[in-house]
């Protein structure tokens, strides 16, 4: 499955927008064009609980839907998008 498909199916689209740069709330991050390794580390830290600040409680609630391999695919796809 592609990063774009996973982004949609794993509910990332619901908060970060269809293009990963139009989040539903102004304090949610724009993800498009960010460094893939950085995105993966942040997502992994949220999933594990290592990062627990700001909006992480909202993310933590859906991270069980995404495997570690899927996170890698999603973040690599997001990194290809234009900011």
Protein backbone atom coordinates (compact mmCIF):
# COMPACT_ATOMS: atom_id res chain seq x y z
CA UNK A 1 0.00 0.00 0.00
CA UNK A 2 1.26 3.48 -0.82
CA UNK A 3 2.04 6.21 1.69
CA UNK A 4 -0.83 8.26 0.33
CA UNK A 5 -3.29 5.40 0.79
CA UNK A 6 -2.06 4.71 4.32
CA UNK A 7 -2.22 8.41 5.19
CA UNK A 8 -5.90 8.38 4.26
CA UNK A 9 -6.83 4.98 5.70
CA UNK A 10 -5.01 5.41 9.02
CA UNK A 11 -6.88 8.68 9.67
CA UNK A 12 -3.93 11.09 9.30
CA UNK A 13 -6.02 13.00 6.77
CA UNK A 14 -8.67 13.78 9.41
CA UNK A 15 -6.44 16.15 11.36
CA UNK A 16 -3.59 17.08 9.02
CA UNK A 17 -5.70 17.62 5.89
CA UNK A 18 -5.76 15.89 2.50
CA UNK A 19 -2.50 17.53 1.44
CA UNK A 20 -0.76 17.21 4.84
CA UNK A 21 -0.52 21.00 5.03
CA UNK A 22 -4.04 22.15 5.88
CA UNK A 23 -4.65 20.88 9.42
CA UNK A 24 -8.11 21.20 10.92
CA UNK A 25 -6.81 23.27 13.84
CA UNK A 26 -4.21 26.03 13.58
CA UNK A 27 -2.05 24.48 16.31
CA UNK A 28 -1.80 21.11 14.52
CA UNK A 29 1.42 20.85 12.49
CA UNK A 30 1.74 21.12 8.75
CA UNK A 31 3.56 17.94 7.76
CA UNK A 32 4.10 18.27 4.01
CA UNK A 33 7.73 18.58 3.00
CA UNK A 34 9.16 17.85 6.43
CA UNK A 35 12.19 15.59 6.71
CA UNK A 36 11.12 11.92 6.66
CA UNK A 37 13.52 10.85 9.43
CA UNK A 38 12.31 13.69 11.66
CA UNK A 39 8.64 12.85 11.05
CA UNK A 40 9.25 9.16 11.71
CA UNK A 41 11.08 9.90 14.97
CA UNK A 42 8.32 12.21 16.20
CA UNK A 43 5.58 9.71 15.30
CA UNK A 44 7.50 6.84 16.89
CA UNK A 45 8.08 8.86 20.05
CA UNK A 46 4.39 9.73 20.27
CA UNK A 47 3.41 6.11 19.74
CA UNK A 48 5.80 4.86 22.43
CA UNK A 49 4.97 7.64 24.89
CA UNK A 50 8.49 9.10 24.81
CA UNK A 51 6.98 12.32 23.54
CA UNK A 52 4.00 13.49 25.55
CA UNK A 53 3.40 17.21 25.16
CA UNK A 54 1.28 19.66 23.19
CA UNK A 55 -1.06 17.79 20.87
CA UNK A 56 0.41 14.34 21.46
CA UNK A 57 -2.68 13.09 23.35
CA UNK A 58 -4.73 13.48 20.15
CA UNK A 59 -2.14 11.53 18.16
CA UNK A 60 -1.69 8.88 20.82
CA UNK A 61 -5.36 7.99 20.47
CA UNK A 62 -4.93 6.84 16.87
CA UNK A 63 -1.37 5.54 16.80
CA UNK A 64 -2.52 1.99 17.54
CA UNK A 65 -3.97 1.97 14.01
CA UNK A 66 -0.52 2.30 12.41
CA UNK A 67 2.30 -0.24 12.39
CA UNK A 68 5.93 0.86 12.56
CA UNK A 69 6.43 -0.13 8.92
CA UNK A 70 3.36 1.87 7.89
CA UNK A 71 4.69 4.90 9.77
CA UNK A 72 7.87 4.67 7.74
CA UNK A 73 5.93 4.49 4.46
CA UNK A 74 3.65 7.38 5.45
CA UNK A 75 6.46 9.67 6.58
CA UNK A 76 8.49 8.96 3.44
CA UNK A 77 5.47 9.93 1.32
CA UNK A 78 4.80 13.11 3.35
CA UNK A 79 8.41 14.18 2.86
CA UNK A 80 7.89 14.19 -0.92
CA UNK A 81 5.03 16.68 -0.75
CA UNK A 82 5.50 20.38 -1.47
CA UNK A 83 5.32 22.67 1.57
